[in-house]
Amino acid sequence: MPFTISGKKQGGVEEQCKRRTILTTTHCFPYVKKRIAVMYQHHTDLSPIEVAIDEMSKKVAEIKQLCSSSDVDMIKLQLKLQGSICVQVNAGPLAYARAFLDDASAKKYPDNKVKQLKEVFRHFVEACGHGLGINERLIKEDQQEYHDEMKANYRDLARELSIIMHEQISPVEDGMKSVLPDSLHIFNAISGTPTSAIIQGIPSSSSVYFLRWDNDLSTSIYHTFVALCYLTPILGAIVADSWLGKFK
């Protein structure tokens, strides 16, 4: 439920808060015999910058879900991209960036929340680039001009974010830029694991917002897990051959 500190229901992005209500019931849904009684409810109030993180994370998740579908719905993908990157309708993402990441504004908010929002914007740019790459492969000739306009708007969006965030936000021109660090590429090369399979396992924003992990912790845990997946079999082989195996 949206609200503002001043009491109004709606306001500017820098004052817009959100109350999230979680209901705990006596039975699981669906329960068709009778209405389910609510045991208790829990309210969580999100500050304006947390609302921005939440909304931008939803955009990223929606674009990624459309792109990862086995049968991509081109119409839905185009509508989602248009609502995210086109100049005439991209007031949402850029409004959040200007309100919370600009030099004068960022000092008002906790450093960890500012870093978290920046990380979400990086994923946002990557997801949009990936979506544009898929759209380019699906469109017909009569939609090429429309696609070129979206690509131009996408570059403008990345340029504007680079100015606001004071870092180079490079547009993903081919839509296939990997978000994996070089060390994980080495593991992929050794093991023969396809990169796309690992991308699907990267911790999503749910680990940040539902488990209350920050981005650094979430990424560290994931990469540690991946490293152990490849290293522990080697240790197990040494133990088996040296102490437990038939031919020790």
Protein backbone atom coordinates (compact mmCIF):
# COMPACT_ATOMS: atom_id res chain seq x y z
CA MET A 1 0.00 0.00 0.00
CA PRO A 2 1.58 3.32 -1.04
CA PHE A 3 1.73 6.27 1.34
CA THR A 4 3.86 9.32 2.09
CA ILE A 5 5.26 10.65 5.33
CA SER A 6 3.18 13.81 4.90
CA GLY A 7 0.00 11.72 4.90
CA LYS A 8 -0.85 11.86 1.20
CA LYS A 9 -1.35 8.59 -0.62
CA GLN A 10 0.81 9.56 -3.60
CA GLY A 11 3.80 11.87 -3.89
CA GLY A 12 7.12 12.32 -5.64
CA VAL A 13 9.54 9.40 -5.79
CA GLU A 14 11.70 10.97 -3.09
CA GLU A 15 8.83 10.86 -0.59
CA GLN A 16 6.88 7.81 -1.76
CA CYS A 17 6.83 5.00 0.81
CA LYS A 18 5.19 1.58 0.70
CA ARG A 19 3.68 -0.65 3.37
CA ARG A 20 3.90 -4.38 2.73
CA THR A 21 1.49 -6.58 4.68
CA ILE A 22 2.13 -10.30 5.15
CA LEU A 23 -0.79 -12.44 6.38
CA THR A 24 -0.25 -15.80 8.09
CA THR A 25 -3.28 -18.10 7.86
CA THR A 26 -4.30 -21.26 9.71
CA HIS A 27 -4.37 -23.33 6.49
CA CYS A 28 -2.58 -23.30 3.16
CA PHE A 29 -4.22 -22.02 -0.01
CA PRO A 30 -6.33 -23.18 -1.73
CA TYR A 31 -8.81 -24.18 0.96
CA VAL A 32 -12.28 -24.62 -0.54
CA LYS A 33 -14.36 -25.72 2.47
CA LYS A 34 -14.52 -22.42 4.25
CA ARG A 35 -12.78 -19.11 4.62
CA ILE A 36 -9.27 -19.30 6.04
CA ALA A 37 -8.74 -17.54 9.33
CA VAL A 38 -5.82 -15.12 9.61
CA MET A 39 -3.59 -15.95 12.56
CA TYR A 40 -1.57 -12.74 12.49
CA GLN A 41 -0.31 -10.10 10.12
CA HIS A 42 3.05 -8.41 9.79
CA HIS A 43 3.65 -4.93 8.34
CA THR A 44 6.89 -3.79 6.77
CA ASP A 45 7.32 -0.14 5.79
CA LEU A 46 9.68 0.57 2.92
CA SER A 47 11.48 3.91 2.78
CA PRO A 48 11.52 5.86 -0.52
CA ILE A 49 14.90 4.48 -1.59
CA GLU A 50 13.77 0.95 -0.65
CA VAL A 51 10.67 1.48 -2.79
CA ALA A 52 12.97 2.43 -5.69
CA ILE A 53 15.05 -0.71 -5.15
CA ASP A 54 11.91 -2.84 -4.98
CA GLU A 55 10.34 -1.36 -8.11
CA MET A 56 13.53 -1.53 -10.19
CA SER A 57 14.16 -5.10 -9.05
CA LYS A 58 10.68 -6.05 -10.25
CA LYS A 59 11.43 -4.53 -13.66
CA VAL A 60 14.66 -6.52 -13.91
CA ALA A 61 12.93 -9.75 -12.85
CA GLU A 62 10.09 -9.25 -15.36
CA ILE A 63 12.47 -8.61 -18.27
CA LYS A 64 14.62 -11.61 -17.34
CA GLN A 65 11.56 -13.84 -17.06
CA LEU A 66 10.37 -12.82 -20.53
CA CYS A 67 13.85 -13.38 -21.99
CA SER A 68 14.34 -16.78 -20.37
CA SER A 69 11.07 -18.21 -21.64
CA SER A 70 11.42 -21.10 -24.09
CA ASP A 71 8.82 -19.41 -26.30
CA VAL A 72 9.47 -15.68 -26.04
CA ASP A 73 6.36 -13.51 -26.31
CA MET A 74 7.69 -10.75 -28.57
CA ILE A 75 4.74 -8.42 -27.98
CA LYS A 76 5.08 -8.56 -24.18
CA LEU A 77 8.85 -8.16 -24.45
CA GLN A 78 8.54 -5.10 -26.67
CA LEU A 79 5.98 -3.50 -24.36
CA LYS A 80 8.20 -4.13 -21.33
CA LEU A 81 11.26 -2.73 -23.09
CA GLN A 82 9.35 0.28 -24.33
CA GLY A 83 8.14 1.03 -20.82
CA SER A 84 11.68 0.74 -19.50
CA ILE A 85 13.92 2.53 -21.96
CA CYS A 86 11.92 4.75 -24.31
CA VAL A 87 12.47 8.46 -23.65
CA GLN A 88 8.82 9.43 -23.49
CA VAL A 89 7.99 6.83 -20.81
CA ASN A 90 11.25 6.20 -18.95
CA ALA A 91 10.57 8.80 -16.26
CA GLY A 92 10.30 5.94 -13.76
CA PRO A 93 13.86 4.52 -13.91
CA LEU A 94 15.54 7.87 -14.51
CA ALA A 95 13.42 9.57 -11.86
CA TYR A 96 14.65 7.03 -9.31
CA ALA A 97 18.25 7.54 -10.43
CA ARG A 98 18.06 11.34 -10.22
CA ALA A 99 16.25 11.27 -6.86
CA PHE A 100 18.56 8.83 -5.05
CA LEU A 101 21.87 8.54 -6.94
CA ASP A 102 22.63 12.15 -7.78
CA ASP A 103 25.51 13.63 -5.76
CA ALA A 104 23.32 16.00 -3.77
CA SER A 105 20.65 13.39 -3.06
CA ALA A 106 22.75 10.27 -2.37
CA LYS A 107 24.20 11.80 0.82
CA LYS A 108 20.74 11.76 2.41
CA TYR A 109 20.44 7.97 2.29
CA PRO A 110 22.39 5.03 3.80
CA ASP A 111 25.45 4.07 1.78
CA ASN A 112 24.43 0.40 1.60
CA LYS A 113 21.04 1.32 0.10
CA VAL A 114 22.67 3.62 -2.45
CA LYS A 115 25.11 0.85 -3.44
CA GLN A 116 22.22 -1.60 -3.64
CA LEU A 117 20.23 0.67 -5.96
CA LYS A 118 23.29 1.20 -8.18
CA GLU A 119 23.73 -2.56 -8.46
CA VAL A 120 20.07 -2.95 -9.43
CA PHE A 121 20.50 -0.32 -12.15
CA ARG A 122 23.52 -2.19 -13.52
CA HIS A 123 21.41 -5.36 -13.76
CA PHE A 124 18.62 -3.28 -15.29
CA VAL A 125 20.85 -2.05 -18.11
CA GLU A 126 22.14 -5.58 -18.74
CA ALA A 127 18.63 -7.06 -18.76
CA CYS A 128 17.38 -4.42 -21.21
CA GLY A 129 20.36 -5.04 -23.49
CA HIS A 130 19.71 -8.78 -23.41
CA GLY A 131 16.03 -8.16 -24.20
CA LEU A 132 16.92 -5.93 -27.14
CA GLY A 133 19.24 -8.62 -28.48
CA ILE A 134 16.42 -11.19 -28.38
CA ASN A 135 13.97 -8.73 -29.92
CA GLU A 136 16.38 -8.03 -32.79
CA ARG A 137 16.50 -11.72 -33.65
CA LEU A 138 12.70 -12.06 -33.60
CA ILE A 139 11.49 -8.97 -35.44
CA LYS A 140 10.66 -8.74 -39.13
CA GLU A 141 11.86 -6.08 -41.53
CA ASP A 142 8.83 -3.83 -40.97
CA GLN A 143 9.76 -3.48 -37.28
CA GLN A 144 13.44 -2.67 -37.80
CA GLU A 145 12.90 1.10 -37.54
CA TYR A 146 11.00 0.66 -34.27
CA HIS A 147 13.80 -1.53 -32.92
CA ASP A 148 16.49 0.97 -33.97
CA GLU A 149 14.62 3.71 -32.10
CA MET A 150 14.54 1.57 -28.95
CA LYS A 151 18.27 0.90 -29.28
CA ALA A 152 18.95 4.64 -29.57
CA ASN A 153 16.84 5.31 -26.48
CA TYR A 154 18.66 2.51 -24.67
CA ARG A 155 22.03 4.12 -25.40
CA ASP A 156 20.68 7.48 -24.19
CA LEU A 157 19.47 5.84 -20.98
CA ALA A 158 22.87 4.23 -20.36
CA ARG A 159 24.62 7.54 -21.05
CA GLU A 160 22.34 9.40 -18.63
CA LEU A 161 22.89 6.78 -15.92
CA SER A 162 26.65 7.02 -16.43
CA ILE A 163 26.50 10.76 -15.75
CA ILE A 164 24.31 10.36 -12.67
CA MET A 165 26.25 7.43 -11.17
CA HIS A 166 29.71 8.76 -12.14
CA GLU A 167 30.74 5.44 -13.66
CA GLN A 168 30.76 3.96 -17.12
CA ILE A 169 27.48 2.15 -17.74
CA SER A 170 28.08 0.48 -21.08
CA PRO A 171 25.05 -0.58 -23.12
CA VAL A 172 24.98 -4.27 -23.98
CA GLU A 173 24.80 -3.88 -27.73
CA ASP A 174 24.51 -7.54 -28.68
CA GLY A 175 22.29 -8.45 -25.72
CA MET A 176 24.62 -11.28 -24.78
CA LYS A 177 27.10 -9.65 -22.41
CA SER A 178 27.84 -11.98 -19.55
CA VAL A 179 27.48 -10.78 -15.98
CA LEU A 180 29.97 -13.39 -14.77
CA PRO A 181 33.38 -12.45 -13.44
CA ASP A 182 36.50 -13.75 -15.19
CA SER A 183 37.17 -16.30 -12.44
CA LEU A 184 33.82 -17.98 -13.06
CA HIS A 185 34.51 -18.14 -16.79
CA ILE A 186 37.68 -20.10 -15.96
CA PHE A 187 35.63 -22.60 -13.94
CA ASN A 188 33.19 -22.90 -16.85
CA ALA A 189 36.02 -23.58 -19.30
CA ILE A 190 37.55 -26.27 -17.06
CA SER A 191 34.28 -28.03 -16.31
CA GLY A 192 32.64 -27.60 -19.70
CA THR A 193 29.59 -26.00 -18.09
CA PRO A 194 27.63 -23.73 -20.48
CA THR A 195 27.69 -20.12 -19.41
CA SER A 196 23.94 -19.74 -19.84
CA ALA A 197 23.32 -22.46 -17.25
CA ILE A 198 25.37 -20.61 -14.67
CA ILE A 199 23.68 -17.30 -15.45
CA GLN A 200 20.34 -18.82 -14.48
CA GLY A 201 21.80 -19.67 -11.07
CA ILE A 202 23.09 -16.23 -10.21
CA PRO A 203 21.47 -15.05 -6.97
CA SER A 204 18.43 -12.98 -7.76
CA SER A 205 17.27 -9.93 -5.94
CA SER A 206 15.10 -12.19 -3.75
CA SER A 207 18.19 -13.11 -1.71
CA VAL A 208 18.69 -9.41 -1.04
CA TYR A 209 15.13 -8.43 -0.22
CA PHE A 210 13.68 -11.56 1.35
CA LEU A 211 16.74 -13.04 3.06
CA ARG A 212 18.03 -9.56 3.94
CA TRP A 213 21.48 -10.23 2.45
CA ASP A 214 23.40 -7.41 0.86
CA ASN A 215 24.70 -7.78 -2.69
CA ASP A 216 28.29 -8.50 -1.65
CA LEU A 217 27.27 -11.30 0.73
CA SER A 218 24.85 -12.82 -1.77
CA THR A 219 27.44 -12.85 -4.55
CA SER A 220 30.18 -14.18 -2.27
CA ILE A 221 28.03 -17.08 -1.03
CA TYR A 222 27.03 -18.03 -4.56
CA HIS A 223 30.56 -17.97 -5.97
CA THR A 224 31.90 -19.85 -2.96
CA PHE A 225 29.28 -22.52 -3.55
CA VAL A 226 30.20 -22.81 -7.23
CA ALA A 227 33.91 -23.06 -6.38
CA LEU A 228 33.26 -25.79 -3.81
CA CYS A 229 31.17 -27.73 -6.32
CA TYR A 230 34.24 -28.07 -8.52
CA LEU A 231 36.94 -28.36 -5.85
CA THR A 232 35.42 -30.82 -3.35
CA PRO A 233 35.27 -33.72 -5.85
CA ILE A 234 39.03 -33.37 -6.26
CA LEU A 235 39.48 -33.56 -2.49
CA GLY A 236 37.12 -36.54 -2.36
CA ALA A 237 39.10 -38.32 -5.04
CA ILE A 238 42.34 -37.81 -3.13
CA VAL A 239 40.80 -39.16 0.10
CA ALA A 240 39.29 -42.14 -1.71
CA ASP A 241 42.49 -43.08 -3.52
CA SER A 242 44.80 -42.49 -0.55
CA TRP A 243 42.84 -43.89 2.40
CA LEU A 244 39.48 -45.40 1.50
CA GLY A 245 39.83 -46.80 -1.98
CA LYS A 246 40.33 -50.42 -2.96
CA PHE A 247 43.75 -49.68 -4.44
CA LYS A 248 45.07 -47.29 -1.76
